[in-house]
Amino acid sequence: MVTLELKGVHRVRVKGRTYWYAWRGGPRLKGEPGTPEFVASYNEAVADHRAPDATRFRSVILAYRASADFQKLAESTRRQWSRWLDRIDEHFGELRTAQFDRAEKIRPIIRKWRSTYADRPRTADYAMQVLSRVLSYAVDPMGKIAANPAEGIKQLYTSSRAEIIWTDEEITALKASNSEEIGHAVDLAAHTGLRLGDLLRVSWSHIGEHEITLPTGKSSGKRHAVIPLYDDLREILSRIPRRATTVLTSSKNRPWTTDGFGSSFNKAKARAGLADRDLHFHDLRGTAATKFYKAGLSERVIAEIMGWEEQSVSRIIRRYVGRAAATRAAIEQLAKGK
């Protein structure tokens, strides 16, 4: 068997099987690498190279891969998503895009594909996330389908991280090894409990005399997060310089993007020696719950601010604040009220 170097040949490995394509997003090649059949298949594909059939879903995948939406993702995310786009192309690429406009017909096919990863629920959900984004792109801006048929399909992996928090020692370690911009974001998250998307949108105009009031992104602006300005939070805000309309900015004095901050935060964890810790930025919400409690807010009020069950707040307080500290906090609040 003679091995030839064929330019642009793309390999995809799916569930232990290897498939070869003339190029990324191109037609699948026949035979095994190095065989006459393989070479002939490659030559035929190159000779017949043309734009993909615009009626096939493969054209949507290719358009999304070339889009600004995809290119602005963090580099690590693009690498991960590229592999999943290959798998989606392998499974759905030859379907007509119009088939995705018939939700009652295509949803069982989507669920069946997802079920191939059912033994790894988080992987299955990740696969659905990428597919759903491509379908959303087909809706807008492409206008190929009217609605995203993946919307409403429930996730397989369910786990609450509400009771996982960053301790003060871990926050100190992170801040000691990184820029003040990262430190400001961590401090503000640990004292407001806001989700990352909302946290990065907080503007100086959202800060009133007694509270921060912000329309939340998760509710499409229908719900407002109201964070009381307690002493520690006021102190955090007082030492963040005003460099833009948003409170948090990057080292370039510009508002953070979610992907840009996410990438910088992961690097910050690594620099602080915390890369192996099961800690997400989102876990700073639990830290905020303990700060609220020590500031004198009741568990019921904290639950309302966080959008959690009161029992979850109680468990966090018992685990991380401790009975003695909680009692001291209560006494201090009573003393202030006199």
Protein backbone atom coordinates (compact mmCIF):
# COMPACT_ATOMS: atom_id res chain seq x y z
CA MET A 1 0.00 0.00 0.00
CA VAL A 2 1.37 3.41 -0.97
CA THR A 3 0.76 6.31 1.41
CA LEU A 4 0.13 9.63 -0.31
CA GLU A 5 -0.04 13.07 1.26
CA LEU A 6 -3.38 14.49 0.17
CA LYS A 7 -3.77 18.17 0.95
CA GLY A 8 -6.67 19.21 3.20
CA VAL A 9 -7.96 15.72 4.04
CA HIS A 10 -9.97 15.94 7.25
CA ARG A 11 -10.36 13.14 9.78
CA VAL A 12 -13.34 12.80 12.13
CA ARG A 13 -13.50 10.19 14.87
CA VAL A 14 -17.00 9.36 16.16
CA LYS A 15 -17.72 6.65 18.74
CA GLY A 16 -14.57 4.71 17.93
CA ARG A 17 -14.94 4.93 14.15
CA THR A 18 -12.82 7.08 11.84
CA TYR A 19 -14.23 8.90 8.83
CA TRP A 20 -12.26 10.78 6.20
CA TYR A 21 -13.41 13.85 4.26
CA ALA A 22 -11.87 15.59 1.29
CA TRP A 23 -11.71 18.74 3.42
CA ARG A 24 -13.42 20.07 6.52
CA GLY A 25 -17.11 20.10 5.66
CA GLY A 26 -16.45 18.35 2.35
CA PRO A 27 -17.71 14.99 1.06
CA ARG A 28 -16.79 11.76 2.82
CA LEU A 29 -14.09 9.73 1.10
CA LYS A 30 -14.46 6.06 0.22
CA GLY A 31 -12.01 3.32 1.14
CA GLU A 32 -9.02 3.43 3.45
CA PRO A 33 -6.20 6.01 3.27
CA GLY A 34 -3.57 4.97 0.75
CA THR A 35 -5.82 2.70 -1.31
CA PRO A 36 -6.61 3.41 -4.97
CA GLU A 37 -10.28 3.75 -4.05
CA PHE A 38 -9.45 6.42 -1.46
CA VAL A 39 -7.25 8.39 -3.86
CA ALA A 40 -9.83 8.18 -6.64
CA SER A 41 -12.53 9.35 -4.25
CA TYR A 42 -10.35 12.28 -3.22
CA ASN A 43 -9.56 13.25 -6.81
CA GLU A 44 -13.23 13.10 -7.74
CA ALA A 45 -14.16 15.33 -4.81
CA VAL A 46 -11.50 17.90 -5.68
CA ALA A 47 -12.46 17.87 -9.36
CA ASP A 48 -16.09 18.37 -8.43
CA HIS A 49 -15.36 20.94 -5.74
CA ARG A 50 -18.19 23.41 -5.55
CA ALA A 51 -20.28 25.22 -2.97
CA PRO A 52 -22.38 22.86 -0.84
CA ASP A 53 -26.02 22.35 -1.76
CA ALA A 54 -27.77 25.36 -0.23
CA THR A 55 -30.83 23.24 0.55
CA ARG A 56 -28.86 20.90 2.85
CA PHE A 57 -28.22 21.51 6.53
CA ARG A 58 -24.48 21.21 5.84
CA SER A 59 -24.61 24.66 4.23
CA VAL A 60 -25.96 26.09 7.51
CA ILE A 61 -23.16 24.45 9.49
CA LEU A 62 -20.55 25.86 7.10
CA ALA A 63 -22.13 29.32 7.24
CA TYR A 64 -22.11 29.29 11.04
CA ARG A 65 -18.49 28.10 11.14
CA ALA A 66 -17.50 31.05 8.92
CA SER A 67 -19.64 33.57 10.84
CA ALA A 68 -18.48 36.37 13.12
CA ASP A 69 -20.55 34.76 15.89
CA PHE A 70 -18.35 31.67 15.78
CA GLN A 71 -15.09 33.54 15.29
CA LYS A 72 -15.64 35.73 18.35
CA LEU A 73 -15.80 32.69 20.65
CA ALA A 74 -12.76 32.06 22.81
CA GLU A 75 -10.09 30.03 21.01
CA SER A 76 -10.51 27.06 23.36
CA THR A 77 -14.27 27.13 22.81
CA ARG A 78 -13.83 27.21 19.03
CA ARG A 79 -11.62 24.14 19.20
CA GLN A 80 -14.21 22.24 21.21
CA TRP A 81 -17.12 23.40 19.09
CA SER A 82 -15.30 22.59 15.84
CA ARG A 83 -15.18 18.93 16.86
CA TRP A 84 -18.89 18.97 17.62
CA LEU A 85 -19.70 20.78 14.38
CA ASP A 86 -17.94 17.94 12.58
CA ARG A 87 -20.09 15.40 14.42
CA ILE A 88 -23.26 17.37 13.74
CA ASP A 89 -22.29 17.59 10.08
CA GLU A 90 -21.70 13.84 9.98
CA HIS A 91 -25.15 13.10 11.41
CA PHE A 92 -27.37 15.91 10.10
CA GLY A 93 -25.42 17.43 7.20
CA GLU A 94 -27.28 15.66 4.37
CA LEU A 95 -30.74 16.45 5.74
CA ARG A 96 -32.64 19.20 4.00
CA THR A 97 -32.71 22.36 6.08
CA ALA A 98 -36.48 22.55 5.54
CA GLN A 99 -36.84 19.39 7.64
CA PHE A 100 -35.80 21.39 10.69
CA ASP A 101 -38.88 23.53 10.21
CA ARG A 102 -41.09 20.57 11.16
CA ALA A 103 -40.47 20.33 14.89
CA GLU A 104 -42.75 17.32 15.43
CA LYS A 105 -40.73 15.33 12.87
CA ILE A 106 -37.18 16.50 13.58
CA ARG A 107 -37.27 16.51 17.40
CA PRO A 108 -37.37 12.69 17.69
CA ILE A 109 -34.34 12.56 15.37
CA ILE A 110 -32.50 15.13 17.49
CA ARG A 111 -33.36 13.25 20.70
CA LYS A 112 -32.20 9.98 19.17
CA TRP A 113 -28.85 11.57 18.28
CA ARG A 114 -28.54 12.98 21.79
CA SER A 115 -29.29 9.54 23.24
CA THR A 116 -26.09 8.19 21.69
CA TYR A 117 -24.31 10.17 24.40
CA ALA A 118 -26.83 9.38 27.16
CA ASP A 119 -24.21 7.51 29.18
CA ARG A 120 -22.40 10.86 29.49
CA PRO A 121 -25.18 13.37 30.32
CA ARG A 122 -22.95 16.43 30.39
CA THR A 123 -21.47 15.50 27.01
CA ALA A 124 -24.99 15.03 25.63
CA ASP A 125 -25.99 18.47 26.89
CA TYR A 126 -22.85 20.03 25.40
CA ALA A 127 -23.66 18.45 22.04
CA MET A 128 -27.17 19.90 22.23
CA GLN A 129 -25.78 23.32 23.11
CA VAL A 130 -23.72 23.43 19.91
CA LEU A 131 -26.53 22.06 17.74
CA SER A 132 -28.99 24.55 19.22
CA ARG A 133 -26.64 27.43 18.46
CA VAL A 134 -26.37 26.37 14.82
CA LEU A 135 -30.14 26.08 14.60
CA SER A 136 -30.54 29.54 16.14
CA TYR A 137 -28.17 30.87 13.49
CA ALA A 138 -30.37 29.23 10.84
CA VAL A 139 -33.30 31.21 12.29
CA ASP A 140 -31.49 34.53 12.61
CA PRO A 141 -29.66 35.89 10.68
CA MET A 142 -29.99 33.27 7.94
CA GLY A 143 -33.79 33.07 7.92
CA LYS A 144 -33.67 29.43 6.76
CA ILE A 145 -36.12 28.14 9.38
CA ALA A 146 -38.82 29.83 11.44
CA ALA A 147 -37.92 28.50 14.90
CA ASN A 148 -35.25 26.49 16.69
CA PRO A 149 -36.59 22.91 17.13
CA ALA A 150 -33.98 22.14 19.83
CA GLU A 151 -35.51 24.69 22.19
CA GLY A 152 -37.52 23.04 24.95
CA ILE A 153 -35.61 19.74 24.84
CA LYS A 154 -34.59 19.22 28.46
CA GLN A 155 -31.02 18.72 29.60
CA LEU A 156 -29.96 15.27 30.77
CA TYR A 157 -27.48 16.43 33.38
CA THR A 158 -28.96 17.99 36.50
CA SER A 159 -26.81 19.12 39.37
CA SER A 160 -27.01 22.06 41.73
CA ARG A 161 -23.79 23.81 42.69
CA ALA A 162 -25.65 26.23 44.96
CA GLU A 163 -23.88 24.91 48.05
CA ILE A 164 -20.37 25.19 46.59
CA ILE A 165 -18.66 28.47 47.42
CA TRP A 166 -15.29 30.19 47.16
CA THR A 167 -13.73 30.68 50.59
CA ASP A 168 -12.00 33.93 51.54
CA GLU A 169 -8.64 32.09 51.41
CA GLU A 170 -9.26 30.94 47.82
CA ILE A 171 -10.34 34.42 46.74
CA THR A 172 -7.23 35.91 48.36
CA ALA A 173 -5.00 33.42 46.53
CA LEU A 174 -6.66 34.23 43.19
CA LYS A 175 -6.35 37.99 43.65
CA ALA A 176 -2.72 37.78 44.80
CA SER A 177 -1.65 36.20 41.50
CA ASN A 178 -3.67 38.30 39.08
CA SER A 179 -4.56 41.79 37.87
CA GLU A 180 -6.72 44.19 39.80
CA GLU A 181 -9.35 43.94 37.04
CA ILE A 182 -9.82 40.24 37.80
CA GLY A 183 -9.79 41.03 41.51
CA HIS A 184 -12.51 43.67 41.14
CA ALA A 185 -14.74 41.22 39.27
CA VAL A 186 -14.25 38.48 41.85
CA ASP A 187 -14.90 40.85 44.76
CA LEU A 188 -18.03 42.28 43.17
CA ALA A 189 -19.37 38.80 42.35
CA ALA A 190 -18.67 37.60 45.90
CA HIS A 191 -20.56 40.56 47.35
CA THR A 192 -23.55 40.79 44.96
CA GLY A 193 -24.35 37.21 43.94
CA LEU A 194 -25.00 38.33 40.36
CA ARG A 195 -24.58 35.91 37.47
CA LEU A 196 -21.61 36.66 35.22
CA GLY A 197 -23.67 38.05 32.34
CA ASP A 198 -25.48 40.45 34.67
CA LEU A 199 -22.34 41.31 36.64
CA LEU A 200 -20.52 42.49 33.51
CA ARG A 201 -23.51 44.70 32.60
CA VAL A 202 -23.62 46.57 35.91
CA SER A 203 -23.16 50.27 35.15
CA TRP A 204 -22.49 53.09 37.54
CA SER A 205 -25.97 54.33 36.70
CA HIS A 206 -27.45 51.14 38.22
CA ILE A 207 -26.04 52.05 41.63
CA GLY A 208 -28.43 54.07 43.75
CA GLU A 209 -28.15 55.51 47.22
CA HIS A 210 -29.18 52.30 48.96
CA GLU A 211 -29.07 49.52 46.38
CA ILE A 212 -27.96 48.24 43.00
CA THR A 213 -30.96 47.75 40.70
CA LEU A 214 -30.37 45.83 37.49
CA PRO A 215 -32.73 44.27 34.92
CA THR A 216 -31.55 40.66 34.70
CA GLY A 217 -30.53 39.12 31.40
CA LYS A 218 -31.97 35.72 32.32
CA SER A 219 -35.47 37.19 32.51
CA SER A 220 -34.99 39.34 29.37
CA GLY A 221 -35.28 42.43 31.55
CA LYS A 222 -38.65 41.45 33.06
CA ARG A 223 -37.16 40.89 36.50
CA HIS A 224 -34.87 43.22 38.43
CA ALA A 225 -32.08 42.16 40.74
CA VAL A 226 -32.00 44.43 43.78
CA ILE A 227 -28.81 44.21 45.86
CA PRO A 228 -28.74 46.27 49.06
CA LEU A 229 -25.61 48.39 49.54
CA TYR A 230 -24.19 47.05 52.80
CA ASP A 231 -20.88 48.28 54.22
CA ASP A 232 -18.56 45.72 52.61
CA LEU A 233 -20.17 46.16 49.19
CA ARG A 234 -19.87 49.95 49.43
CA GLU A 235 -16.17 49.53 50.24
CA ILE A 236 -15.66 47.28 47.19
CA LEU A 237 -17.34 49.81 44.90
CA SER A 238 -15.39 52.74 46.38
CA ARG A 239 -12.04 51.27 45.28
CA ILE A 240 -13.05 50.33 41.72
CA PRO A 241 -11.92 53.18 39.42
CA ARG A 242 -14.44 54.67 37.01
CA ARG A 243 -13.00 53.86 33.60
CA ALA A 244 -16.14 53.25 31.55
CA THR A 245 -19.92 53.28 31.87
CA THR A 246 -19.72 49.73 33.24
CA VAL A 247 -18.28 49.16 36.71
CA LEU A 248 -16.03 46.30 35.57
CA THR A 249 -13.51 46.76 32.77
CA SER A 250 -10.64 44.85 31.23
CA SER A 251 -7.00 45.98 31.45
CA LYS A 252 -7.72 48.02 28.28
CA ASN A 253 -10.32 50.04 30.23
CA ARG A 254 -13.13 48.59 28.13
CA PRO A 255 -16.22 46.66 29.21
CA TRP A 256 -15.61 42.91 29.39
CA THR A 257 -17.25 40.50 26.98
CA THR A 258 -18.51 37.27 28.54
CA ASP A 259 -16.15 35.10 26.48
CA GLY A 260 -13.22 37.44 27.03
CA PHE A 261 -13.70 37.42 30.77
CA GLY A 262 -14.27 33.66 30.87
CA SER A 263 -10.98 33.03 29.09
CA SER A 264 -9.11 35.47 31.35
CA PHE A 265 -10.66 33.98 34.48
CA ASN A 266 -9.62 30.43 33.57
CA LYS A 267 -6.05 31.65 33.08
CA ALA A 268 -6.27 33.48 36.40
CA LYS A 269 -7.23 30.25 38.17
CA ALA A 270 -4.25 28.50 36.63
CA ARG A 271 -1.85 31.28 37.67
CA ALA A 272 -3.16 31.05 41.24
CA GLY A 273 -2.63 27.28 41.32
CA LEU A 274 -6.37 26.64 41.51
CA ALA A 275 -6.88 25.01 38.12
CA ASP A 276 -7.46 21.60 39.70
CA ARG A 277 -10.09 22.90 42.13
CA ASP A 278 -13.74 22.22 41.26
CA LEU A 279 -14.57 25.90 41.44
CA HIS A 280 -16.45 27.91 38.83
CA PHE A 281 -16.92 31.66 38.69
CA HIS A 282 -20.63 30.95 39.21
CA ASP A 283 -19.80 29.50 42.65
CA LEU A 284 -19.08 33.01 43.91
CA ARG A 285 -22.86 33.32 44.22
CA GLY A 286 -22.72 31.00 47.21
CA THR A 287 -19.98 33.15 48.70
CA ALA A 288 -22.26 36.17 48.31
CA ALA A 289 -24.98 34.39 50.29
CA THR A 290 -22.63 34.15 53.28
CA LYS A 291 -21.68 37.84 52.90
CA PHE A 292 -25.36 38.82 52.84
CA TYR A 293 -26.01 36.81 56.00
CA LYS A 294 -23.08 38.34 57.87
CA ALA A 295 -24.36 41.76 56.77
CA GLY A 296 -27.60 41.03 58.61
CA LEU A 297 -29.98 39.89 55.85
CA SER A 298 -32.39 37.10 56.75
CA GLU A 299 -32.28 33.75 55.00
CA ARG A 300 -35.65 34.50 53.42
CA VAL A 301 -34.43 37.80 51.94
CA ILE A 302 -31.20 36.17 50.73
CA ALA A 303 -33.25 33.44 49.02
CA GLU A 304 -35.33 36.11 47.26
CA ILE A 305 -32.22 37.96 46.06
CA MET A 306 -30.54 34.79 44.81
CA GLY A 307 -33.66 33.15 43.39
CA TRP A 308 -32.97 30.04 45.50
CA GLU A 309 -34.96 27.90 47.88
CA GLU A 310 -34.64 29.10 51.48
CA GLN A 311 -33.47 25.60 52.51
CA SER A 312 -30.46 25.93 50.20
CA VAL A 313 -29.49 29.21 51.84
CA SER A 314 -29.86 27.63 55.28
CA ARG A 315 -27.53 24.78 54.35
CA ILE A 316 -24.88 27.19 53.05
CA ILE A 317 -25.07 29.28 56.22
CA ARG A 318 -24.81 26.23 58.50
CA ARG A 319 -21.89 24.82 56.51
CA TYR A 320 -19.78 27.89 55.80
CA VAL A 321 -20.72 30.54 58.33
CA GLY A 322 -21.04 28.30 61.37
CA ARG A 323 -23.28 28.69 64.37
CA ALA A 324 -20.81 30.77 66.40
CA ALA A 325 -20.12 33.23 63.58
CA ALA A 326 -23.81 33.44 62.73
CA THR A 327 -24.62 34.22 66.35
CA ARG A 328 -21.95 36.93 66.48
CA ALA A 329 -23.33 38.44 63.26
CA ALA A 330 -26.84 38.50 64.71
CA ILE A 331 -25.62 40.15 67.91
CA GLU A 332 -23.72 42.78 65.93
CA GLN A 333 -26.82 43.57 63.89
CA LEU A 334 -28.93 43.88 67.04
CA ALA A 335 -26.35 46.22 68.53
CA LYS A 336 -26.40 48.40 65.42
CA GLY A 337 -30.16 48.63 65.64
CA LYS A 338 -30.11 50.10 69.10
